[in-house]
Amino acid sequence: MSFQRVTIIGLGLLGGSVGLAIAEFLPGCATTGYDADPAVRRRAAERGLVGRVCETAAEAVSDAELVIFCVPVGAMENAACEVADALPAGVIVTDVGSSKEAVGEALRAALPHATVIPAHPVAGTERSGPDAGFPHLFRHRWCILTPPADADPEAVDKVAAFWKALGADVELMDGAHHDLVLAVTSHIPHLIAYTIVGTASDLEQVTRSEVIKYSAGGFRDFTRIAASDPTMWRDVFLTNREAVLEMLGRFTEDLTALQRAIRRSDGDALFELFTRTRDIRRSIVEQGQDDARPDFGRSDHG
C-alpha cells in the first residue's frame, strides 16, 4: 500500500467507515482525524474511528500523505481552506462527495499546490453521525474516481489502490458525466423519496397516524431513503443543480406519460413499462449491487 499516513476530515458515516476499514484492511496505515463538532470528535475517539482524533484540522493533516474530505459537499471548500497552509508537500487530496464537478473545482481552487483526485464511493446507509460507520461499507461497491485531465497517473493509481484495498471496485469517469449518471441513479430517487413522504405527511384526507400505521413496502422503502442526512442532500442538490434539473425534466415528462396512460386506461403501456423496469431491477441484483431478500439484506448492512 502506497500510503502510510492518512487523514480523514469529517468523522460521520463515511469518514468513520473509512477509518474503521483502514484499521481492518490496512493495519499498517496510521490514521488521524478531525471533525468540526466537538461532540463528534469525542465519540469518534471513544469508538476508535481513527488512530488519533485531533483538536484542529491543521494538526490532523500535518504529516499526511493522503487527506480524505468526508464532509457535506457544500462544506468542502471551507474545510479545504482550513488546512491549506498546513498541508505537507506532495500530499494527495481526495473526497467522498456525491457530486464531483463542483467539488473538484472547489478543492483545486482552495488547494492549488496539492494533487487533487476526487472520488465518490457509491455506498452509504440512511444513518449518519459517528455511530453509523462500519468497516465493510465499501465492500463490493463502486468507487468512482473523477481525476482532472492533467492528473498525475501515479497519484490516480495510488488513490485507486487505496479504495480497492478497502473492498471497493474502482472506475474512472469524467466529472460532468458522473454528475449526470448519479443524478439518475441516486439524486432524483432521493428527491422523489423526500417528496412523496412529504406529500403523505401533508394529506388532509389521510391522517399521519394512518400513513405510519398502514405503510406498505413501497412507502416504507421511500421513508428509509428520506431518512438520509438532510445537510448532505441539500448540498448535493445545490452543487449538482444542472444535472438534477435536466434529469428532473426527463422524469417529469415520463411521469406525465404515465399519468396519461392511467387516465386512458392504457393497460398495455403500463404493463410494458412495469415489465421493463422489473428487468432492470433483476439486473441490479445480478450485478451484486443489491440483495434479492425481502429486507434487501440491509439488516446486516448488506
C-alpha atoms as a PDB file:
ATOM      1  CA  MET A   1       0.000   0.000   0.000  1.00  0.00           C
ATOM      2  CA  SER A   2       1.392   3.387  -1.030  1.00  0.00           C
ATOM      3  CA  PHE A   3       0.016   5.412   1.908  1.00  0.00           C
ATOM      4  CA  GLN A   4       1.343   5.072   5.429  1.00  0.00           C
ATOM      5  CA  ARG A   5      -0.370   8.141   6.927  1.00  0.00           C
ATOM      6  CA  VAL A   6      -3.983   9.021   6.106  1.00  0.00           C
ATOM      7  CA  THR A   7      -6.044  11.911   7.481  1.00  0.00           C
ATOM      8  CA  ILE A   8      -9.848  11.921   7.497  1.00  0.00           C
ATOM      9  CA  ILE A   9     -11.649  15.263   7.752  1.00  0.00           C
ATOM     10  CA  GLY A  10     -15.241  14.636   8.843  1.00  0.00           C
ATOM     11  CA  LEU A  11     -15.992  11.643  11.077  1.00  0.00           C
ATOM     12  CA  GLY A  12     -19.593  10.753  10.282  1.00  0.00           C
ATOM     13  CA  LEU A  13     -20.889   7.698   8.433  1.00  0.00           C
ATOM     14  CA  LEU A  14     -18.420   7.817   5.549  1.00  0.00           C
ATOM     15  CA  GLY A  15     -15.408   9.202   7.387  1.00  0.00           C
ATOM     16  CA  GLY A  16     -15.911   6.790  10.257  1.00  0.00           C
ATOM     17  CA  SER A  17     -16.312   3.869   7.873  1.00  0.00           C
ATOM     18  CA  VAL A  18     -13.107   4.829   6.053  1.00  0.00           C
ATOM     19  CA  GLY A  19     -11.221   4.917   9.349  1.00  0.00           C
ATOM     20  CA  LEU A  20     -12.592   1.566  10.512  1.00  0.00           C
ATOM     21  CA  ALA A  21     -11.940   0.000   7.096  1.00  0.00           C
ATOM     22  CA  ILE A  22      -8.323   1.194   7.160  1.00  0.00           C
ATOM     23  CA  ALA A  23      -7.864  -0.343  10.617  1.00  0.00           C
ATOM     24  CA  GLU A  24      -9.214  -3.680   9.369  1.00  0.00           C
ATOM     25  CA  PHE A  25      -7.796  -3.905   5.858  1.00  0.00           C
ATOM     26  CA  LEU A  26      -4.673  -1.693   6.066  1.00  0.00           C
ATOM     27  CA  PRO A  27      -3.448  -2.232   9.641  1.00  0.00           C
ATOM     28  CA  GLY A  28      -0.012  -0.780   8.861  1.00  0.00           C
ATOM     29  CA  CYS A  29      -1.509   2.592   7.945  1.00  0.00           C
ATOM     30  CA  ALA A  30      -1.637   5.300  10.651  1.00  0.00           C
ATOM     31  CA  THR A  31      -4.764   7.462  10.722  1.00  0.00           C
ATOM     32  CA  THR A  32      -5.587  10.873  12.149  1.00  0.00           C
ATOM     33  CA  GLY A  33      -8.962  12.564  12.027  1.00  0.00           C
ATOM     34  CA  TYR A  34     -10.811  15.774  12.711  1.00  0.00           C
ATOM     35  CA  ASP A  35     -14.436  16.886  12.852  1.00  0.00           C
ATOM     36  CA  ALA A  36     -15.688  20.431  13.365  1.00  0.00           C
ATOM     37  CA  ASP A  37     -18.164  19.211  16.003  1.00  0.00           C
ATOM     38  CA  PRO A  38     -16.508  18.622  19.411  1.00  0.00           C
ATOM     39  CA  ALA A  39     -19.157  16.047  20.341  1.00  0.00           C
ATOM     40  CA  VAL A  40     -18.389  14.095  17.180  1.00  0.00           C
ATOM     41  CA  ARG A  41     -14.671  14.227  17.964  1.00  0.00           C
ATOM     42  CA  ARG A  42     -15.310  12.815  21.437  1.00  0.00           C
ATOM     43  CA  ARG A  43     -17.479   9.991  20.117  1.00  0.00           C
ATOM     44  CA  ALA A  44     -15.023   9.249  17.310  1.00  0.00           C
ATOM     45  CA  ALA A  45     -12.265   8.857  19.885  1.00  0.00           C
ATOM     46  CA  GLU A  46     -14.460   6.574  22.011  1.00  0.00           C
ATOM     47  CA  ARG A  47     -15.226   4.346  19.032  1.00  0.00           C
ATOM     48  CA  GLY A  48     -11.665   4.410  17.720  1.00  0.00           C
ATOM     49  CA  LEU A  49     -12.722   5.584  14.275  1.00  0.00           C
ATOM     50  CA  VAL A  50      -9.147   6.772  13.686  1.00  0.00           C
ATOM     51  CA  GLY A  51      -5.873   6.226  15.497  1.00  0.00           C
ATOM     52  CA  ARG A  52      -5.745   9.805  16.776  1.00  0.00           C
ATOM     53  CA  VAL A  53      -8.507  12.406  16.853  1.00  0.00           C
ATOM     54  CA  CYS A  54      -7.028  15.903  16.624  1.00  0.00           C
ATOM     55  CA  GLU A  55      -8.405  19.155  18.001  1.00  0.00           C
ATOM     56  CA  THR A  56      -7.678  21.113  14.817  1.00  0.00           C
ATOM     57  CA  ALA A  57      -7.794  20.246  11.144  1.00  0.00           C
ATOM     58  CA  ALA A  58      -4.309  21.679  10.655  1.00  0.00           C
ATOM     59  CA  GLU A  59      -2.888  19.342  13.291  1.00  0.00           C
ATOM     60  CA  ALA A  60      -4.624  16.369  11.686  1.00  0.00           C
ATOM     61  CA  VAL A  61      -3.079  16.918   8.237  1.00  0.00           C
ATOM     62  CA  SER A  62       0.391  17.990   9.398  1.00  0.00           C
ATOM     63  CA  ASP A  63       2.208  14.848   8.205  1.00  0.00           C
ATOM     64  CA  ALA A  64      -0.442  13.218   5.992  1.00  0.00           C
ATOM     65  CA  GLU A  65       0.290  11.505   2.702  1.00  0.00           C
ATOM     66  CA  LEU A  66      -3.417  11.243   1.822  1.00  0.00           C
ATOM     67  CA  VAL A  67      -6.168  13.582   3.039  1.00  0.00           C
ATOM     68  CA  ILE A  68      -9.791  12.493   2.583  1.00  0.00           C
ATOM     69  CA  PHE A  69     -12.535  15.105   2.951  1.00  0.00           C
ATOM     70  CA  CYS A  70     -15.667  13.377   4.263  1.00  0.00           C
ATOM     71  CA  VAL A  71     -17.797  16.472   4.831  1.00  0.00           C
ATOM     72  CA  PRO A  72     -21.011  17.568   3.054  1.00  0.00           C
ATOM     73  CA  VAL A  73     -20.221  18.764  -0.454  1.00  0.00           C
ATOM     74  CA  GLY A  74     -21.266  22.302   0.411  1.00  0.00           C
ATOM     75  CA  ALA A  75     -18.620  22.389   3.152  1.00  0.00           C
ATOM     76  CA  MET A  76     -15.740  21.065   1.038  1.00  0.00           C
ATOM     77  CA  GLU A  77     -14.264  24.434   0.112  1.00  0.00           C
ATOM     78  CA  ASN A  78     -14.265  25.787   3.677  1.00  0.00           C
ATOM     79  CA  ALA A  79     -12.808  22.551   5.024  1.00  0.00           C
ATOM     80  CA  ALA A  80     -10.064  22.671   2.396  1.00  0.00           C
ATOM     81  CA  CYS A  81      -9.248  26.313   3.120  1.00  0.00           C
ATOM     82  CA  GLU A  82      -8.905  25.425   6.804  1.00  0.00           C
ATOM     83  CA  VAL A  83      -5.984  23.077   6.079  1.00  0.00           C
ATOM     84  CA  ALA A  84      -4.452  24.820   3.050  1.00  0.00           C
ATOM     85  CA  ASP A  85      -1.463  26.258   4.902  1.00  0.00           C
ATOM     86  CA  ALA A  86      -0.793  23.068   6.858  1.00  0.00           C
ATOM     87  CA  LEU A  87      -0.700  20.505   4.057  1.00  0.00           C
ATOM     88  CA  PRO A  88       2.695  18.807   3.592  1.00  0.00           C
ATOM     89  CA  ALA A  89       4.421  18.919   0.225  1.00  0.00           C
ATOM     90  CA  GLY A  90       3.448  16.075  -2.091  1.00  0.00           C
ATOM     91  CA  VAL A  91       0.170  15.297  -0.326  1.00  0.00           C
ATOM     92  CA  ILE A  92      -2.680  13.771  -2.313  1.00  0.00           C
ATOM     93  CA  VAL A  93      -6.197  15.051  -1.586  1.00  0.00           C
ATOM     94  CA  THR A  94      -9.418  13.193  -2.276  1.00  0.00           C
ATOM     95  CA  ASP A  95     -13.023  13.227  -1.034  1.00  0.00           C
ATOM     96  CA  VAL A  96     -16.211  11.173  -0.864  1.00  0.00           C
ATOM     97  CA  GLY A  97     -18.717  13.694  -2.244  1.00  0.00           C
ATOM     98  CA  SER A  98     -21.773  12.670  -4.288  1.00  0.00           C
ATOM     99  CA  SER A  99     -21.327  15.493  -6.815  1.00  0.00           C
ATOM    100  CA  LYS A 100     -17.961  15.719  -8.466  1.00  0.00           C
ATOM    101  CA  GLU A 101     -17.567  18.599 -10.915  1.00  0.00           C
ATOM    102  CA  ALA A 102     -18.281  21.358  -8.373  1.00  0.00           C
ATOM    103  CA  VAL A 103     -16.354  19.600  -5.598  1.00  0.00           C
ATOM    104  CA  GLY A 104     -13.299  19.042  -7.786  1.00  0.00           C
ATOM    105  CA  GLU A 105     -13.258  22.711  -8.776  1.00  0.00           C
ATOM    106  CA  ALA A 106     -13.638  23.817  -5.141  1.00  0.00           C
ATOM    107  CA  LEU A 107     -10.834  21.585  -3.874  1.00  0.00           C
ATOM    108  CA  ARG A 108      -8.436  22.584  -6.649  1.00  0.00           C
ATOM    109  CA  ALA A 109      -9.156  26.276  -6.078  1.00  0.00           C
ATOM    110  CA  ALA A 110      -8.630  26.021  -2.323  1.00  0.00           C
ATOM    111  CA  LEU A 111      -5.571  23.758  -2.571  1.00  0.00           C
ATOM    112  CA  PRO A 112      -3.661  24.850  -5.677  1.00  0.00           C
ATOM    113  CA  HIS A 113      -0.425  23.178  -4.568  1.00  0.00           C
ATOM    114  CA  ALA A 114      -1.945  19.793  -3.735  1.00  0.00           C
ATOM    115  CA  THR A 115      -2.672  16.869  -6.043  1.00  0.00           C
ATOM    116  CA  VAL A 116      -6.470  16.554  -6.077  1.00  0.00           C
ATOM    117  CA  ILE A 117      -8.071  13.273  -7.180  1.00  0.00           C
ATOM    118  CA  PRO A 118     -11.828  13.484  -6.470  1.00  0.00           C
ATOM    119  CA  ALA A 119     -13.640  10.265  -5.586  1.00  0.00           C
ATOM    120  CA  HIS A 120     -17.148   9.059  -4.852  1.00  0.00           C
ATOM    121  CA  PRO A 121     -17.647   5.740  -3.092  1.00  0.00           C
ATOM    122  CA  VAL A 122     -21.193   4.838  -4.118  1.00  0.00           C
ATOM    123  CA  ALA A 123     -22.087   3.434  -0.726  1.00  0.00           C
ATOM    124  CA  GLY A 124     -23.997   4.533   2.314  1.00  0.00           C
ATOM    125  CA  THR A 125     -26.997   3.994   4.538  1.00  0.00           C
ATOM    126  CA  GLU A 126     -29.759   6.248   5.798  1.00  0.00           C
ATOM    127  CA  ARG A 127     -27.887   6.611   9.079  1.00  0.00           C
ATOM    128  CA  SER A 128     -25.426   9.413   9.827  1.00  0.00           C
ATOM    129  CA  GLY A 129     -23.005  10.505  12.514  1.00  0.00           C
ATOM    130  CA  PRO A 130     -20.001   8.880  14.233  1.00  0.00           C
ATOM    131  CA  ASP A 131     -22.016   5.874  15.436  1.00  0.00           C
ATOM    132  CA  ALA A 132     -23.128   4.987  11.898  1.00  0.00           C
ATOM    133  CA  GLY A 133     -19.782   3.894  10.446  1.00  0.00           C
ATOM    134  CA  PHE A 134     -18.754   0.267   9.914  1.00  0.00           C
ATOM    135  CA  PRO A 135     -15.676  -1.208   8.201  1.00  0.00           C
ATOM    136  CA  HIS A 136     -17.397  -3.151   5.406  1.00  0.00           C
ATOM    137  CA  LEU A 137     -19.413  -0.254   3.972  1.00  0.00           C
ATOM    138  CA  PHE A 138     -17.353  -0.152   0.762  1.00  0.00           C
ATOM    139  CA  ARG A 139     -17.064  -3.880   0.057  1.00  0.00           C
ATOM    140  CA  HIS A 140     -18.365  -4.817  -3.400  1.00  0.00           C
ATOM    141  CA  ARG A 141     -19.474  -1.244  -4.005  1.00  0.00           C
ATOM    142  CA  TRP A 142     -18.253   1.074  -6.748  1.00  0.00           C
ATOM    143  CA  CYS A 143     -15.897   3.938  -6.063  1.00  0.00           C
ATOM    144  CA  ILE A 144     -15.803   6.370  -8.978  1.00  0.00           C
ATOM    145  CA  LEU A 145     -12.673   8.492  -9.420  1.00  0.00           C
ATOM    146  CA  THR A 146     -13.002  11.700 -11.454  1.00  0.00           C
ATOM    147  CA  PRO A 147      -9.429  12.963 -11.881  1.00  0.00           C
ATOM    148  CA  PRO A 148      -8.831  16.086 -13.975  1.00  0.00           C
ATOM    149  CA  ALA A 149      -7.466  15.558 -17.468  1.00  0.00           C
ATOM    150  CA  ASP A 150      -3.951  16.573 -16.423  1.00  0.00           C
ATOM    151  CA  ALA A 151      -3.868  14.420 -13.271  1.00  0.00           C
ATOM    152  CA  ASP A 152      -0.675  12.576 -12.360  1.00  0.00           C
ATOM    153  CA  PRO A 153      -1.308   8.929 -13.383  1.00  0.00           C
ATOM    154  CA  GLU A 154       0.703   7.663 -10.416  1.00  0.00           C
ATOM    155  CA  ALA A 155      -1.466   9.629  -7.998  1.00  0.00           C
ATOM    156  CA  VAL A 156      -4.607   8.257  -9.648  1.00  0.00           C
ATOM    157  CA  ASP A 157      -3.239   4.717  -9.322  1.00  0.00           C
ATOM    158  CA  LYS A 158      -2.448   5.274  -5.631  1.00  0.00           C
ATOM    159  CA  VAL A 159      -5.950   6.520  -4.844  1.00  0.00           C
ATOM    160  CA  ALA A 160      -7.471   3.663  -6.846  1.00  0.00           C
ATOM    161  CA  ALA A 161      -5.337   1.126  -4.971  1.00  0.00           C
ATOM    162  CA  PHE A 162      -6.410   2.655  -1.664  1.00  0.00           C
ATOM    163  CA  TRP A 163     -10.119   2.214  -2.390  1.00  0.00           C
ATOM    164  CA  LYS A 164      -9.592  -1.277  -3.756  1.00  0.00           C
ATOM    165  CA  ALA A 165      -7.830  -2.173  -0.511  1.00  0.00           C
ATOM    166  CA  LEU A 166     -10.988  -1.126   1.368  1.00  0.00           C
ATOM    167  CA  GLY A 167     -13.008  -3.540  -0.767  1.00  0.00           C
ATOM    168  CA  ALA A 168     -14.385  -1.227  -3.460  1.00  0.00           C
ATOM    169  CA  ASP A 169     -14.464  -1.731  -7.216  1.00  0.00           C
ATOM    170  CA  VAL A 170     -12.921   1.332  -8.856  1.00  0.00           C
ATOM    171  CA  GLU A 171     -13.905   3.045 -12.081  1.00  0.00           C
ATOM    172  CA  LEU A 172     -12.668   6.282 -13.679  1.00  0.00           C
ATOM    173  CA  MET A 173     -15.127   8.779 -15.113  1.00  0.00           C
ATOM    174  CA  ASP A 174     -15.319  12.371 -16.267  1.00  0.00           C
ATOM    175  CA  GLY A 175     -16.716  14.585 -13.507  1.00  0.00           C
ATOM    176  CA  ALA A 176     -19.576  16.021 -15.561  1.00  0.00           C
ATOM    177  CA  HIS A 177     -20.604  12.562 -16.769  1.00  0.00           C
ATOM    178  CA  HIS A 178     -20.503  11.257 -13.198  1.00  0.00           C
ATOM    179  CA  ASP A 179     -22.869  14.003 -12.104  1.00  0.00           C
ATOM    180  CA  LEU A 180     -25.341  13.128 -14.864  1.00  0.00           C
ATOM    181  CA  VAL A 181     -25.218   9.396 -14.073  1.00  0.00           C
ATOM    182  CA  LEU A 182     -25.643   9.938 -10.330  1.00  0.00           C
ATOM    183  CA  ALA A 183     -28.470  12.402 -10.907  1.00  0.00           C
ATOM    184  CA  VAL A 184     -30.385   9.469 -12.428  1.00  0.00           C
ATOM    185  CA  THR A 185     -29.301   6.673 -10.100  1.00  0.00           C
ATOM    186  CA  SER A 186     -29.143   8.488  -6.763  1.00  0.00           C
ATOM    187  CA  HIS A 187     -30.100  12.150  -6.646  1.00  0.00           C
ATOM    188  CA  ILE A 188     -33.516  12.018  -8.356  1.00  0.00           C
ATOM    189  CA  PRO A 189     -34.583   8.890  -6.389  1.00  0.00           C
ATOM    190  CA  HIS A 190     -33.778  10.740  -3.165  1.00  0.00           C
ATOM    191  CA  LEU A 191     -35.696  13.786  -4.363  1.00  0.00           C
ATOM    192  CA  ILE A 192     -38.706  11.596  -5.165  1.00  0.00           C
ATOM    193  CA  ALA A 193     -38.486   9.927  -1.752  1.00  0.00           C
ATOM    194  CA  TYR A 194     -38.356  13.238   0.086  1.00  0.00           C
ATOM    195  CA  THR A 195     -41.302  14.493  -1.977  1.00  0.00           C
ATOM    196  CA  ILE A 196     -43.618  11.502  -1.577  1.00  0.00           C
ATOM    197  CA  VAL A 197     -43.008  11.256   2.173  1.00  0.00           C
ATOM    198  CA  GLY A 198     -43.673  14.989   2.452  1.00  0.00           C
ATOM    199  CA  THR A 199     -46.856  14.632   0.387  1.00  0.00           C
ATOM    200  CA  ALA A 200     -48.104  11.836   2.632  1.00  0.00           C
ATOM    201  CA  SER A 201     -47.451  13.855   5.767  1.00  0.00           C
ATOM    202  CA  ASP A 202     -49.368  16.833   4.332  1.00  0.00           C
ATOM    203  CA  LEU A 203     -52.515  14.954   3.277  1.00  0.00           C
ATOM    204  CA  GLU A 204     -55.664  16.248   4.916  1.00  0.00           C
ATOM    205  CA  GLN A 205     -57.878  13.298   3.945  1.00  0.00           C
ATOM    206  CA  VAL A 206     -55.498  10.725   5.457  1.00  0.00           C
ATOM    207  CA  THR A 207     -54.120  11.247   8.938  1.00  0.00           C
ATOM    208  CA  ARG A 208     -50.397  10.999   9.601  1.00  0.00           C
ATOM    209  CA  SER A 209     -51.045   8.163  12.070  1.00  0.00           C
ATOM    210  CA  GLU A 210     -52.765   6.183   9.285  1.00  0.00           C
ATOM    211  CA  VAL A 211     -49.854   6.803   6.915  1.00  0.00           C
ATOM    212  CA  ILE A 212     -47.457   5.446   9.518  1.00  0.00           C
ATOM    213  CA  LYS A 213     -49.664   2.573  10.690  1.00  0.00           C
ATOM    214  CA  TYR A 214     -50.504   1.201   7.263  1.00  0.00           C
ATOM    215  CA  SER A 215     -47.192   1.785   5.499  1.00  0.00           C
ATOM    216  CA  ALA A 216     -46.748  -0.984   2.953  1.00  0.00           C
ATOM    217  CA  GLY A 217     -43.411  -1.997   1.469  1.00  0.00           C
ATOM    218  CA  GLY A 218     -43.177   0.752  -1.140  1.00  0.00           C
ATOM    219  CA  PHE A 219     -43.813   3.675   1.185  1.00  0.00           C
ATOM    220  CA  ARG A 220     -41.689   2.082   3.907  1.00  0.00           C
ATOM    221  CA  ASP A 221     -38.737   1.912   1.488  1.00  0.00           C
ATOM    222  CA  PHE A 222     -39.245   5.543   0.489  1.00  0.00           C
ATOM    223  CA  THR A 223     -39.075   6.567   4.147  1.00  0.00           C
ATOM    224  CA  ARG A 224     -35.767   4.736   4.515  1.00  0.00           C
ATOM    225  CA  ILE A 225     -34.247   6.825   1.721  1.00  0.00           C
ATOM    226  CA  ALA A 226     -35.873  10.018   3.001  1.00  0.00           C
ATOM    227  CA  ALA A 227     -34.261   9.481   6.409  1.00  0.00           C
ATOM    228  CA  SER A 228     -30.847  10.290   4.926  1.00  0.00           C
ATOM    229  CA  ASP A 229     -28.797  13.210   6.224  1.00  0.00           C
ATOM    230  CA  PRO A 230     -30.621  16.452   5.254  1.00  0.00           C
ATOM    231  CA  THR A 231     -27.492  18.627   5.200  1.00  0.00           C
ATOM    232  CA  MET A 232     -25.702  16.283   2.828  1.00  0.00           C
ATOM    233  CA  TRP A 233     -28.627  16.048   0.429  1.00  0.00           C
ATOM    234  CA  ARG A 234     -29.368  19.769   0.464  1.00  0.00           C
ATOM    235  CA  ASP A 235     -25.774  20.351  -0.638  1.00  0.00           C
ATOM    236  CA  VAL A 236     -25.886  17.606  -3.276  1.00  0.00           C
ATOM    237  CA  PHE A 237     -28.894  19.143  -4.994  1.00  0.00           C
ATOM    238  CA  LEU A 238     -27.349  22.621  -4.950  1.00  0.00           C
ATOM    239  CA  THR A 239     -23.914  21.554  -6.214  1.00  0.00           C
ATOM    240  CA  ASN A 240     -25.305  19.220  -8.888  1.00  0.00           C
ATOM    241  CA  ARG A 241     -28.126  21.553  -9.847  1.00  0.00           C
ATOM    242  CA  GLU A 242     -27.796  21.442 -13.643  1.00  0.00           C
ATOM    243  CA  ALA A 243     -27.673  17.657 -13.966  1.00  0.00           C
ATOM    244  CA  VAL A 244     -30.504  17.217 -11.452  1.00  0.00           C
ATOM    245  CA  LEU A 245     -32.707  19.719 -13.279  1.00  0.00           C
ATOM    246  CA  GLU A 246     -32.011  18.034 -16.617  1.00  0.00           C
ATOM    247  CA  MET A 247     -32.932  14.598 -15.278  1.00  0.00           C
ATOM    248  CA  LEU A 248     -35.893  16.005 -13.347  1.00  0.00           C
ATOM    249  CA  GLY A 249     -37.232  17.395 -16.626  1.00  0.00           C
ATOM    250  CA  ARG A 250     -36.943  13.963 -18.243  1.00  0.00           C
ATOM    251  CA  PHE A 251     -38.617  12.334 -15.244  1.00  0.00           C
ATOM    252  CA  THR A 252     -41.461  14.864 -15.320  1.00  0.00           C
ATOM    253  CA  GLU A 253     -42.103  14.051 -18.995  1.00  0.00           C
ATOM    254  CA  ASP A 254     -42.165  10.304 -18.259  1.00  0.00           C
ATOM    255  CA  LEU A 255     -44.461  10.840 -15.274  1.00  0.00           C
ATOM    256  CA  THR A 256     -46.841  12.831 -17.468  1.00  0.00           C
ATOM    257  CA  ALA A 257     -46.905   9.963 -19.985  1.00  0.00           C
ATOM    258  CA  LEU A 258     -47.667   7.523 -17.180  1.00  0.00           C
ATOM    259  CA  GLN A 259     -50.447   9.793 -15.931  1.00  0.00           C
ATOM    260  CA  ARG A 260     -51.900   9.843 -19.451  1.00  0.00           C
ATOM    261  CA  ALA A 261     -51.788   6.039 -19.699  1.00  0.00           C
ATOM    262  CA  ILE A 262     -53.684   5.668 -16.415  1.00  0.00           C
ATOM    263  CA  ARG A 263     -56.272   8.267 -17.441  1.00  0.00           C
ATOM    264  CA  ARG A 264     -56.831   6.451 -20.757  1.00  0.00           C
ATOM    265  CA  SER A 265     -56.888   3.005 -19.111  1.00  0.00           C
ATOM    266  CA  ASP A 266     -53.979   2.023 -21.353  1.00  0.00           C
ATOM    267  CA  GLY A 267     -53.110  -1.270 -19.714  1.00  0.00           C
ATOM    268  CA  ASP A 268     -50.653  -2.279 -22.453  1.00  0.00           C
ATOM    269  CA  ALA A 269     -48.493   0.825 -21.864  1.00  0.00           C
ATOM    270  CA  LEU A 270     -48.495   0.235 -18.111  1.00  0.00           C
ATOM    271  CA  PHE A 271     -47.638  -3.450 -18.474  1.00  0.00           C
ATOM    272  CA  GLU A 272     -44.780  -2.694 -20.891  1.00  0.00           C
ATOM    273  CA  LEU A 273     -43.269  -0.117 -18.512  1.00  0.00           C
ATOM    274  CA  PHE A 274     -43.580  -2.345 -15.443  1.00  0.00           C
ATOM    275  CA  THR A 275     -42.034  -5.294 -17.301  1.00  0.00           C
ATOM    276  CA  ARG A 276     -39.085  -3.206 -18.461  1.00  0.00           C
ATOM    277  CA  THR A 277     -38.420  -1.802 -15.003  1.00  0.00           C
ATOM    278  CA  ARG A 278     -38.621  -5.258 -13.408  1.00  0.00           C
ATOM    279  CA  ASP A 279     -35.889  -6.437 -15.765  1.00  0.00           C
ATOM    280  CA  ILE A 280     -33.696  -3.516 -14.660  1.00  0.00           C
ATOM    281  CA  ARG A 281     -34.236  -4.499 -11.020  1.00  0.00           C
ATOM    282  CA  ARG A 282     -33.153  -8.064 -11.775  1.00  0.00           C
ATOM    283  CA  SER A 283     -30.010  -6.783 -13.464  1.00  0.00           C
ATOM    284  CA  ILE A 284     -29.108  -4.698 -10.395  1.00  0.00           C
ATOM    285  CA  VAL A 285     -29.392  -7.769  -8.158  1.00  0.00           C
ATOM    286  CA  GLU A 286     -27.457  -9.956 -10.627  1.00  0.00           C
ATOM    287  CA  GLN A 287     -24.563  -7.470 -10.652  1.00  0.00           C
ATOM    288  CA  GLY A 288     -24.349  -7.610  -6.856  1.00  0.00           C
ATOM    289  CA  GLN A 289     -25.473  -4.021  -6.302  1.00  0.00           C
ATOM    290  CA  ASP A 290     -28.356  -5.065  -4.065  1.00  0.00           C
ATOM    291  CA  ASP A 291     -29.875  -8.110  -2.404  1.00  0.00           C
ATOM    292  CA  ALA A 292     -32.937 -10.044  -3.533  1.00  0.00           C
ATOM    293  CA  ARG A 293     -34.071 -10.805   0.031  1.00  0.00           C
ATOM    294  CA  PRO A 294     -37.276  -9.073   1.232  1.00  0.00           C
ATOM    295  CA  ASP A 295     -35.307  -6.772   3.541  1.00  0.00           C
ATOM    296  CA  PHE A 296     -32.720  -6.155   0.794  1.00  0.00           C
ATOM    297  CA  GLY A 297     -30.113  -7.704   3.110  1.00  0.00           C
ATOM    298  CA  ARG A 298     -29.868  -4.433   4.980  1.00  0.00           C
ATOM    299  CA  SER A 299     -30.328  -5.943   8.431  1.00  0.00           C
ATOM    300  CA  ASP A 300     -26.639  -6.843   8.284  1.00  0.00           C
ATOM    301  CA  HIS A 301     -25.599  -3.692   6.346  1.00  0.00           C
ATOM    302  CA  GLY A 302     -25.665  -5.598   3.021  1.00  0.00           C
END
